[in-house]
Protein backbone atom coordinates (compact mmCIF):
# COMPACT_ATOMS: atom_id res chain seq x y z
CA MET A 1 71.64 62.95 -33.28
CA LYS A 2 71.98 61.38 -36.71
CA ILE A 3 69.62 58.41 -36.92
CA LEU A 4 69.34 55.86 -39.75
CA PHE A 5 65.91 54.23 -39.75
CA VAL A 6 66.03 50.78 -41.39
CA THR A 7 62.82 49.03 -42.46
CA ALA A 8 61.26 46.81 -45.13
CA GLU A 9 58.19 49.05 -45.46
CA ALA A 10 56.97 52.55 -44.68
CA HIS A 11 53.66 54.25 -45.40
CA PRO A 12 52.89 55.72 -47.92
CA LEU A 13 55.65 54.10 -50.02
CA VAL A 14 54.63 50.50 -49.31
CA LYS A 15 52.43 48.98 -46.61
CA THR A 16 51.30 45.54 -45.49
CA GLY A 17 50.60 46.33 -41.84
CA GLY A 18 51.43 48.34 -38.73
CA LEU A 19 55.18 48.27 -39.38
CA ALA A 20 54.64 50.64 -42.29
CA ASP A 21 52.56 53.02 -40.16
CA VAL A 22 55.26 53.17 -37.50
CA CYS A 23 58.13 53.72 -39.92
CA GLY A 24 56.11 56.27 -41.86
CA SER A 25 55.33 58.35 -38.76
CA LEU A 26 58.10 58.03 -36.18
CA PRO A 27 60.97 59.47 -38.30
CA LEU A 28 59.01 62.68 -38.93
CA GLU A 29 58.23 63.04 -35.22
CA LEU A 30 61.91 62.53 -34.35
CA MET A 31 62.80 65.24 -36.86
CA ARG A 32 60.40 67.55 -35.04
CA HIS A 33 62.44 66.85 -31.91
CA GLY A 34 65.45 68.28 -33.75
CA HIS A 35 67.20 65.11 -34.92
CA ASP A 36 68.68 64.34 -38.34
CA VAL A 37 66.70 61.25 -39.34
CA ARG A 38 66.99 59.38 -42.62
CA LEU A 39 64.88 56.43 -43.68
CA VAL A 40 66.19 53.52 -45.76
CA LEU A 41 64.27 50.70 -47.41
CA PRO A 42 64.48 48.58 -50.58
CA ALA A 43 63.72 50.24 -53.91
CA TYR A 44 60.41 48.51 -54.63
CA PRO A 45 58.55 49.78 -57.72
CA THR A 46 55.98 51.60 -55.57
CA ALA A 47 58.72 53.25 -53.52
CA LEU A 48 60.50 54.43 -56.66
CA ALA A 49 57.24 55.78 -58.04
CA ARG A 50 56.17 57.63 -54.89
CA ALA A 51 59.46 59.01 -53.58
CA ARG A 52 60.50 62.52 -54.53
CA ASP A 53 63.66 63.89 -56.17
CA LEU A 54 65.68 60.68 -56.26
CA THR A 55 69.34 60.83 -57.25
CA CYS A 56 72.10 58.22 -57.04
CA VAL A 57 74.58 59.09 -54.29
CA GLY A 58 76.75 55.98 -54.36
CA THR A 59 77.12 52.32 -55.24
CA VAL A 60 78.28 49.27 -53.32
CA ASP A 61 79.52 45.93 -54.60
CA ILE A 62 77.77 43.02 -52.90
CA PRO A 63 78.69 39.43 -53.83
CA LEU A 64 75.05 38.32 -54.05
CA ALA A 65 74.08 41.11 -56.44
CA PRO A 66 74.73 40.67 -60.20
CA ALA A 67 75.54 44.37 -60.55
CA PRO A 68 76.68 47.18 -58.23
CA VAL A 69 73.84 48.15 -55.89
CA ARG A 70 72.86 51.79 -56.19
CA VAL A 71 71.90 53.91 -53.22
CA LEU A 72 69.35 56.58 -54.13
CA LEU A 73 68.66 59.65 -52.01
CA GLY A 74 65.42 61.63 -52.12
CA THR A 75 62.57 62.39 -49.76
CA MET A 76 59.34 60.82 -48.64
CA PRO A 77 56.28 62.01 -50.58
CA ASP A 78 55.65 64.74 -48.01
CA GLY A 79 59.01 66.25 -48.95
CA GLN A 80 60.21 66.29 -45.34
CA VAL A 81 61.89 63.03 -44.34
CA PRO A 82 65.12 62.21 -46.25
CA LEU A 83 64.90 58.80 -47.86
CA TYR A 84 67.45 56.28 -49.11
CA LEU A 85 66.39 53.47 -51.43
CA VAL A 86 68.64 50.44 -51.92
CA ASP A 87 68.30 49.74 -55.63
CA SER A 88 69.08 46.20 -56.71
CA PRO A 89 66.62 45.50 -59.56
CA ALA A 90 67.35 41.77 -59.55
CA HIS A 91 65.96 41.61 -56.02
CA PHE A 92 63.38 44.37 -55.68
CA ALA A 93 62.05 45.32 -59.14
CA ARG A 94 59.03 43.04 -59.02
CA GLU A 95 55.32 43.40 -58.43
CA GLY A 96 53.59 42.09 -55.34
CA THR A 97 54.21 42.75 -51.66
CA PRO A 98 57.65 43.37 -50.13
CA TYR A 99 57.77 39.69 -49.23
CA GLY A 100 55.84 37.77 -51.85
CA ASP A 101 53.99 37.69 -55.13
CA GLU A 102 50.48 38.89 -55.87
CA ARG A 103 49.07 35.48 -54.87
CA GLY A 104 50.56 35.77 -51.38
CA GLN A 105 53.41 33.29 -51.91
CA ASP A 106 56.74 34.29 -50.33
CA TRP A 107 59.53 35.01 -52.77
CA SER A 108 61.87 32.01 -52.86
CA ASP A 109 64.91 34.31 -52.69
CA ASN A 110 63.85 36.36 -49.65
CA ALA A 111 67.04 35.43 -47.81
CA GLU A 112 69.15 36.83 -50.65
CA ARG A 113 66.94 39.89 -51.08
CA PHE A 114 67.16 41.03 -47.49
CA ALA A 115 70.80 39.98 -47.11
CA VAL A 116 71.62 42.35 -50.00
CA PHE A 117 69.58 45.06 -48.32
CA CYS A 118 71.29 44.54 -44.95
CA ARG A 119 74.78 44.52 -46.47
CA ALA A 120 74.06 47.79 -48.27
CA VAL A 121 72.68 49.37 -45.09
CA THR A 122 75.73 48.23 -43.12
CA ALA A 123 78.02 49.90 -45.65
CA MET A 124 75.93 53.06 -45.40
CA ALA A 125 76.09 52.99 -41.59
CA LEU A 126 79.88 52.91 -41.80
CA GLU A 127 79.96 55.81 -44.32
CA ARG A 128 81.32 53.59 -47.08
CA VAL A 129 78.61 54.49 -49.59
CA THR A 130 77.34 57.93 -48.61
CA PRO A 131 80.34 60.09 -47.65
CA GLY A 132 79.51 63.09 -45.51
CA TRP A 133 76.76 61.53 -43.44
CA ARG A 134 77.48 58.93 -40.75
CA PRO A 135 74.70 57.93 -38.34
CA ASP A 136 75.15 57.95 -34.59
CA VAL A 137 72.34 55.40 -34.23
CA VAL A 138 71.05 52.70 -36.57
CA HIS A 139 67.47 51.77 -35.70
CA CYS A 140 66.41 48.46 -37.28
CA HIS A 141 62.91 47.02 -37.48
CA ASP A 142 61.88 43.35 -37.59
CA TRP A 143 63.54 40.31 -39.11
CA HIS A 144 64.23 41.78 -42.54
CA THR A 145 66.88 44.04 -40.95
CA GLY A 146 68.31 41.61 -38.40
CA LEU A 147 71.59 41.05 -40.23
CA VAL A 148 72.54 44.71 -39.81
CA PRO A 149 73.38 44.52 -36.06
CA ALA A 150 75.12 41.18 -36.69
CA LEU A 151 77.33 42.66 -39.42
CA LEU A 152 77.99 45.87 -37.49
CA GLN A 153 79.29 43.96 -34.46
CA LEU A 154 82.13 42.64 -36.65
CA GLU A 155 83.48 46.20 -36.74
CA PRO A 156 85.57 47.80 -33.94
CA ALA A 157 83.25 48.91 -31.16
CA ALA A 158 84.59 52.46 -31.10
CA THR A 159 83.92 53.03 -34.81
CA ARG A 160 80.47 51.56 -35.34
CA PRO A 161 77.19 53.37 -34.60
CA ALA A 162 74.92 52.34 -31.75
CA SER A 163 72.26 49.85 -32.82
CA ILE A 164 68.63 49.58 -31.75
CA PHE A 165 66.43 46.69 -32.84
CA THR A 166 62.64 46.91 -32.56
CA ILE A 167 60.57 43.72 -32.44
CA HIS A 168 57.23 44.39 -34.09
CA ASN A 169 56.23 40.73 -34.18
CA LEU A 170 58.48 37.99 -32.81
CA ALA A 171 56.49 35.28 -34.62
CA TYR A 172 58.07 36.34 -37.94
CA GLN A 173 61.68 35.24 -37.59
CA GLY A 174 63.25 35.05 -41.05
CA LEU A 175 64.13 31.35 -40.83
CA PHE A 176 66.23 29.74 -43.56
CA SER A 177 68.34 26.61 -43.95
CA TYR A 178 72.03 26.24 -43.13
CA SER A 179 72.74 25.82 -46.83
CA LYS A 180 71.08 29.20 -47.37
CA PHE A 181 73.38 30.66 -44.71
CA GLN A 182 76.31 29.35 -46.73
CA ASP A 183 74.86 30.76 -49.95
CA LEU A 184 74.69 34.23 -48.40
CA LEU A 185 78.49 34.21 -47.88
CA LEU A 186 78.13 35.44 -44.32
CA PRO A 187 81.10 35.18 -41.95
CA SER A 188 81.28 31.60 -40.67
CA GLY A 189 81.66 32.87 -37.10
CA LEU A 190 78.04 34.00 -37.13
CA TRP A 191 76.89 30.37 -37.28
CA ARG A 192 76.83 29.51 -33.59
CA PRO A 193 74.18 29.14 -30.86
CA ASP A 194 74.89 32.64 -29.61
CA GLY A 195 74.84 33.92 -33.19
CA LEU A 196 72.39 33.35 -36.05
CA GLU A 197 71.92 29.61 -35.57
CA PHE A 198 68.48 28.67 -34.22
CA HIS A 199 67.61 24.97 -33.91
CA GLY A 200 69.67 24.09 -36.96
CA LYS A 201 68.41 26.97 -39.08
CA MET A 202 69.51 30.54 -39.68
CA SER A 203 67.33 33.20 -38.09
CA PHE A 204 67.54 36.76 -39.36
CA ILE A 205 65.69 38.14 -36.36
CA LYS A 206 68.16 36.50 -33.99
CA GLY A 207 70.85 38.76 -35.41
CA GLY A 208 68.95 41.72 -34.00
CA LEU A 209 68.10 40.00 -30.73
CA VAL A 210 71.69 38.97 -30.00
CA PHE A 211 73.86 41.73 -31.43
CA SER A 212 71.97 45.03 -31.09
CA ASP A 213 72.90 47.34 -28.25
CA TRP A 214 69.28 47.74 -27.18
CA LEU A 215 66.04 45.89 -27.93
CA THR A 216 62.59 47.42 -27.94
CA THR A 217 59.10 46.14 -28.47
CA VAL A 218 56.06 48.19 -29.42
CA SER A 219 54.26 47.99 -26.08
CA PRO A 220 55.28 47.44 -22.43
CA THR A 221 53.06 44.38 -21.97
CA TYR A 222 54.45 42.68 -25.09
CA ALA A 223 57.97 43.22 -23.73
CA GLU A 224 56.97 41.16 -20.71
CA GLU A 225 55.06 38.55 -22.71
CA ILE A 226 57.94 37.66 -25.04
CA CYS A 227 60.08 36.76 -22.04
CA THR A 228 57.70 33.86 -21.35
CA PRO A 229 57.58 30.45 -23.06
CA ARG A 230 53.98 31.12 -24.18
CA LEU A 231 54.82 34.09 -26.42
CA GLY A 232 58.62 33.98 -26.61
CA CYS A 233 58.55 31.92 -29.84
CA GLY A 234 61.61 29.96 -28.69
CA PHE A 235 63.58 33.11 -27.82
CA ASP A 236 62.28 33.63 -24.28
CA ASP A 237 65.47 32.39 -22.61
CA LEU A 238 67.61 34.71 -24.78
CA LEU A 239 65.29 37.63 -24.08
CA ARG A 240 65.31 37.00 -20.33
CA ARG A 241 69.11 37.08 -20.46
CA ARG A 242 68.93 40.43 -22.26
CA ARG A 243 66.11 41.78 -20.09
CA ASP A 244 68.23 44.70 -18.89
CA ARG A 245 68.53 45.78 -22.54
CA LEU A 246 64.87 45.29 -23.47
CA CYS A 247 62.17 47.92 -23.10
CA GLY A 248 58.63 48.35 -24.36
CA ILE A 249 57.69 51.67 -25.97
CA LEU A 250 54.07 51.95 -26.99
CA ASN A 251 53.48 52.87 -30.62
CA GLY A 252 51.80 56.15 -31.38
CA ALA A 253 48.93 56.94 -33.70
CA ASN A 254 49.26 59.37 -36.57
CA TYR A 255 46.42 61.73 -35.76
CA GLU A 256 47.25 63.89 -38.75
CA GLU A 257 45.96 61.06 -40.94
CA TRP A 258 43.50 59.46 -38.51
CA ASP A 259 41.29 62.30 -37.35
CA PRO A 260 37.51 62.14 -37.84
CA GLY A 261 37.30 65.91 -37.61
CA ASN A 262 39.49 66.33 -40.68
CA ASP A 263 39.31 63.13 -42.70
CA PRO A 264 38.94 63.56 -46.48
CA PHE A 265 37.86 59.94 -46.94
CA ILE A 266 34.70 59.96 -44.82
CA ALA A 267 31.20 61.14 -45.66
CA ARG A 268 30.93 63.66 -42.85
CA PRO A 269 33.65 64.82 -40.44
CA TYR A 270 32.80 64.88 -36.74
CA THR A 271 34.30 65.38 -33.27
CA ALA A 272 33.42 64.23 -29.77
CA GLN A 273 31.15 67.26 -29.53
CA SER A 274 29.34 66.34 -32.76
CA ILE A 275 29.48 62.56 -32.46
CA GLU A 276 25.88 62.31 -33.62
CA SER A 277 27.25 62.97 -37.13
CA LYS A 278 28.82 59.52 -36.98
CA ALA A 279 25.37 58.18 -37.93
CA GLU A 280 25.73 59.68 -41.41
CA ASN A 281 29.00 57.81 -41.91
CA LYS A 282 27.27 54.62 -40.79
CA ARG A 283 24.56 55.09 -43.40
CA HIS A 284 27.17 55.79 -46.08
CA LEU A 285 29.12 52.65 -45.17
CA GLN A 286 26.00 50.50 -45.19
CA GLU A 287 25.04 51.80 -48.61
CA SER A 288 28.50 51.44 -50.15
CA LEU A 289 28.94 47.86 -48.90
CA GLY A 290 25.43 46.63 -49.67
CA LEU A 291 24.29 46.36 -46.07
CA ALA A 292 20.69 47.05 -45.11
CA ARG A 293 20.04 50.52 -43.79
CA ASP A 294 19.62 49.86 -40.08
CA GLU A 295 20.12 52.56 -37.48
CA GLU A 296 19.04 50.45 -34.50
CA SER A 297 21.48 47.53 -34.82
CA PRO A 298 25.15 48.06 -33.99
CA LEU A 299 27.61 47.77 -36.86
CA ILE A 300 30.70 45.79 -35.85
CA ALA A 301 33.90 46.12 -37.89
CA SER A 302 37.14 44.19 -38.15
CA VAL A 303 40.09 45.42 -40.21
CA GLY A 304 43.34 43.48 -40.13
CA ARG A 305 45.35 40.55 -41.41
CA LEU A 306 43.36 37.35 -41.87
CA VAL A 307 45.65 35.18 -39.75
CA GLU A 308 45.24 33.25 -36.50
CA GLN A 309 47.32 35.79 -34.57
CA LYS A 310 44.50 38.28 -35.07
CA GLY A 311 41.90 35.78 -33.84
CA ILE A 312 40.22 35.63 -37.23
CA ASP A 313 39.68 31.89 -36.70
CA LEU A 314 37.64 32.71 -33.58
CA MET A 315 35.51 35.10 -35.62
CA VAL A 316 34.95 32.52 -38.34
CA GLU A 317 33.99 29.87 -35.76
CA ALA A 318 31.62 32.30 -34.03
CA MET A 319 30.13 33.71 -37.23
CA SER A 320 26.85 31.79 -37.21
CA GLU A 321 26.24 32.78 -33.60
CA LEU A 322 27.25 36.38 -34.26
CA MET A 323 24.73 36.52 -37.08
CA GLU A 324 22.02 35.37 -34.64
CA ARG A 325 22.59 38.64 -32.74
CA PRO A 326 20.94 41.91 -33.84
CA VAL A 327 24.13 43.19 -35.49
CA GLN A 328 25.74 43.92 -38.83
CA LEU A 329 29.36 43.04 -39.51
CA VAL A 330 32.07 44.37 -41.84
CA VAL A 331 35.37 42.47 -42.25
CA MET A 332 38.29 43.74 -44.34
CA GLY A 333 41.81 42.41 -44.69
CA ASN A 334 44.43 40.32 -46.46
CA GLY A 335 45.85 37.03 -45.27
CA GLU A 336 45.30 33.30 -45.48
CA ARG A 337 43.01 32.33 -48.30
CA ARG A 338 41.10 29.79 -46.16
CA PHE A 339 39.87 32.57 -43.91
CA GLY A 340 39.01 34.85 -46.80
CA SER A 341 37.01 32.08 -48.46
CA ALA A 342 35.17 31.21 -45.24
CA LEU A 343 34.24 34.84 -44.69
CA GLU A 344 33.05 35.26 -48.28
CA ASP A 345 30.90 32.13 -47.91
CA ALA A 346 29.39 33.55 -44.72
CA ALA A 347 28.69 36.86 -46.49
CA ARG A 348 26.75 35.03 -49.23
CA GLN A 349 24.69 33.33 -46.54
CA ASN A 350 23.97 36.63 -44.76
CA PRO A 351 23.22 39.22 -47.46
CA GLY A 352 22.60 42.70 -46.16
CA ARG A 353 24.08 41.87 -42.75
CA LEU A 354 27.66 40.77 -43.42
CA ALA A 355 30.06 42.52 -45.82
CA VAL A 356 33.51 41.12 -46.57
CA HIS A 357 36.29 42.87 -48.47
CA VAL A 358 39.35 40.67 -49.03
CA GLY A 359 42.11 43.20 -49.60
CA TYR A 360 43.01 46.55 -48.13
CA THR A 361 42.52 50.14 -49.19
CA GLU A 362 43.32 53.12 -47.02
CA GLU A 363 40.17 54.95 -48.08
CA LEU A 364 37.83 52.11 -47.12
CA ALA A 365 39.67 51.57 -43.83
CA HIS A 366 38.92 55.18 -42.86
CA GLN A 367 35.29 54.81 -43.89
CA VAL A 368 34.94 51.64 -41.83
CA GLU A 369 36.39 53.32 -38.76
CA ALA A 370 34.03 56.27 -39.15
CA GLY A 371 30.93 54.21 -39.92
CA ALA A 372 31.19 51.33 -37.44
CA ASP A 373 29.87 51.41 -33.89
CA MET A 374 32.23 48.74 -32.56
CA PHE A 375 35.61 47.36 -33.59
CA LEU A 376 36.31 43.67 -32.91
CA MET A 377 39.95 42.70 -32.27
CA PRO A 378 40.12 39.21 -30.68
CA SER A 379 43.89 38.80 -31.08
CA ARG A 380 45.65 35.75 -29.68
CA PHE A 381 48.63 38.07 -29.22
CA GLU A 382 49.09 41.67 -30.26
CA PRO A 383 52.51 43.36 -29.99
CA CYS A 384 50.86 46.77 -30.03
CA GLY A 385 47.97 47.18 -32.39
CA LEU A 386 47.17 50.49 -34.02
CA THR A 387 43.62 49.94 -35.20
CA GLN A 388 42.26 50.02 -31.65
CA LEU A 389 43.89 53.46 -31.30
CA TYR A 390 42.34 54.64 -34.56
CA SER A 391 38.98 53.18 -33.50
CA MET A 392 38.97 55.03 -30.20
CA ARG A 393 39.74 58.31 -31.92
CA TYR A 394 36.77 57.70 -34.26
CA GLY A 395 34.39 56.89 -31.39
CA THR A 396 34.24 53.28 -32.56
CA ILE A 397 34.37 51.29 -29.35
CA PRO A 398 36.94 48.44 -29.39
CA ILE A 399 36.13 44.91 -28.23
CA VAL A 400 39.51 43.28 -27.60
CA ARG A 401 41.29 40.43 -25.90
CA ARG A 402 43.59 41.47 -23.05
CA THR A 403 47.07 40.98 -24.52
CA GLY A 404 50.07 43.08 -25.55
CA GLY A 405 49.30 46.62 -26.59
CA LEU A 406 45.57 45.97 -26.32
CA ALA A 407 46.03 45.46 -22.57
CA ASP A 408 48.00 48.71 -22.40
CA THR A 409 45.42 50.86 -24.16
CA VAL A 410 41.87 49.49 -23.73
CA VAL A 411 40.14 49.85 -20.35
CA ASP A 412 37.18 47.51 -19.82
CA ALA A 413 33.71 48.98 -19.39
CA ASP A 414 32.98 47.32 -16.07
CA ALA A 415 30.90 49.20 -13.52
CA THR A 416 33.91 50.59 -11.65
CA ASN A 417 35.69 51.92 -14.75
CA VAL A 418 32.49 53.38 -16.20
CA ALA A 419 31.75 55.18 -12.93
CA ALA A 420 35.30 56.54 -12.82
CA GLY A 421 35.13 57.72 -16.45
CA ARG A 422 38.04 55.47 -17.47
CA ALA A 423 36.26 52.91 -19.64
CA ASN A 424 36.99 53.08 -23.37
CA GLY A 425 36.16 49.56 -24.58
CA PHE A 426 35.18 45.98 -23.78
CA VAL A 427 37.88 43.46 -22.83
CA PHE A 428 37.85 39.67 -22.54
CA GLU A 429 40.57 37.40 -21.18
CA GLU A 430 40.85 34.09 -23.03
CA PRO A 431 41.01 33.55 -26.83
CA THR A 432 37.90 31.39 -27.00
CA GLN A 433 34.64 31.63 -28.90
CA PRO A 434 32.46 31.81 -25.73
CA GLU A 435 34.60 34.63 -24.27
CA LEU A 436 34.42 36.57 -27.52
CA LEU A 437 30.65 36.22 -27.70
CA ARG A 438 30.19 37.28 -24.07
CA ALA A 439 32.19 40.46 -24.73
CA VAL A 440 30.14 41.19 -27.86
CA ASP A 441 26.92 40.62 -25.90
CA ARG A 442 28.04 43.08 -23.21
CA ALA A 443 28.70 45.69 -25.90
CA ILE A 444 25.36 45.05 -27.63
CA GLU A 445 23.51 45.41 -24.32
CA CYS A 446 25.23 48.70 -23.53
CA PHE A 447 24.56 50.02 -27.05
CA ALA A 448 20.86 49.11 -26.94
CA GLU A 449 19.92 49.79 -23.31
CA THR A 450 22.18 52.55 -21.98
CA PRO A 451 22.89 55.01 -24.80
CA GLY A 452 24.21 57.60 -22.35
CA THR A 453 26.84 55.18 -21.08
CA TRP A 454 27.64 54.17 -24.66
CA ARG A 455 28.27 57.78 -25.61
CA GLN A 456 30.42 58.29 -22.52
CA ILE A 457 32.61 55.27 -23.40
CA ALA A 458 32.92 56.47 -27.01
CA THR A 459 33.89 60.03 -26.09
CA THR A 460 36.32 58.80 -23.44
CA GLY A 461 38.07 56.85 -26.19
CA MET A 462 38.09 59.88 -28.47
CA ALA A 463 39.86 61.87 -25.75
CA GLN A 464 42.73 59.36 -25.41
CA GLU A 465 46.10 60.76 -26.45
CA TYR A 466 48.44 58.27 -28.08
CA SER A 467 50.29 60.59 -30.44
CA TRP A 468 53.85 59.93 -31.55
CA THR A 469 55.17 62.88 -29.52
CA ARG A 470 55.36 60.88 -26.30
CA SER A 471 56.75 57.76 -27.98
CA ALA A 472 59.37 59.77 -29.86
CA GLY A 473 60.55 61.23 -26.56
CA ARG A 474 61.08 57.73 -25.18
CA TYR A 475 63.09 56.74 -28.26
CA ARG A 476 65.15 59.92 -27.99
CA ASP A 477 66.08 59.00 -24.41
CA LEU A 478 66.92 55.45 -25.49
CA TYR A 479 69.17 56.68 -28.30
CA ARG A 480 71.02 58.95 -25.90
CA GLY A 481 71.49 56.12 -23.45
CA ALA A 482 72.81 53.84 -26.19
CA LEU A 483 75.31 56.50 -27.26
CA CYS A 484 76.49 56.96 -23.68
CA ASP A 485 77.26 53.24 -23.61
CA ARG A 486 79.61 53.49 -26.57
CA PRO A 487 83.37 53.31 -26.03
CA ALA A 488 85.18 56.66 -26.17
């Protein structure tokens, strides 16, 4: 099959979160299954700098763009996955993240930026820009790409490719005013309750939810959760109506990059058979982050976005009580400034025991995974989560709330699961400070009093297999089913 993979970010070209990891890994795995996969994203400066062998293969006139939009073809940095970049300098030639400036403020013209991107992708999907290659399937990811299924459905059913839309996080919906809808010069027929209109605003993500042939989420549990009022973000009724076209496919982990036995970023590689070498990585992390050298106390880590979804507010509220425990803590991530400031204040009050790094670097993330004993992930909701998968592979035992992909991957270390050899983490139910602290206390007790059980839980996690091979097989079957649905 010919598959066009549409995304706003992909590692290692540009990354703000798990979306980039998925779109950087899944296309290559699908290629290994024998499919012709091509990735397309906006031509950000970092993407232009890191892509290989770029050449212009066509242009498209888009009313919102001041000049013809170029479509560049090259490859990902590994030289394997073909890559298209939609080059509209007026919209994408700027520093910052894909969505905002270096201070974290969203670009005021995000609606125009991603409308230009989606129009260019739609033209590509219909072979109007890149003659000689027409996809069988267009696989879109998150709100930035939601206009693509909406625009494709305006074409005759027999001539357009099948469309798949993956929801990575339903809370991010691409909401803009009706006047912005008018500014984008979209067909007026798309402004209706069963179109892009959502409580008087335009929703990019609704284009994907309504008009794609199939919907996926990034874990089976999240697929169930978004059909409820609690986590449906206002779309639960729509998603229940499309339930027969919605499936949850668990994300995979890229074990080529996240493997403690072959990780160039860490102080000393190790495996489940040599897990005692993890102690050297702990010492290295303590030294590099200014923590006291302490082999007896567990080192707890948290790496992720500093937003309420991730439960960072629970961690901030519980910080004084956490610091009363015999633990050290490392927190790294980008997000809301109020959380970053609160964490930095707490670090100043707890020198040698709490290290905070506001920002993200791939190298430090690997070192944290290798050096920590526990990984704290108290998410209020979690579509899939990848860091708990990385943590398990590194023998860093996750402490998580039971939700979404965390519920699908982490098995609580209660007596029954430990005895059966299934336990790979510690799980709590409600997103509250007392529940979080009780789970941490259970982990501390196991670490301090039953080292044999602790090692068993860690090595059980290291043996878990969540590679992309299985997930890619599920997507392959979904693509085939979507193509079978197409008119002759």
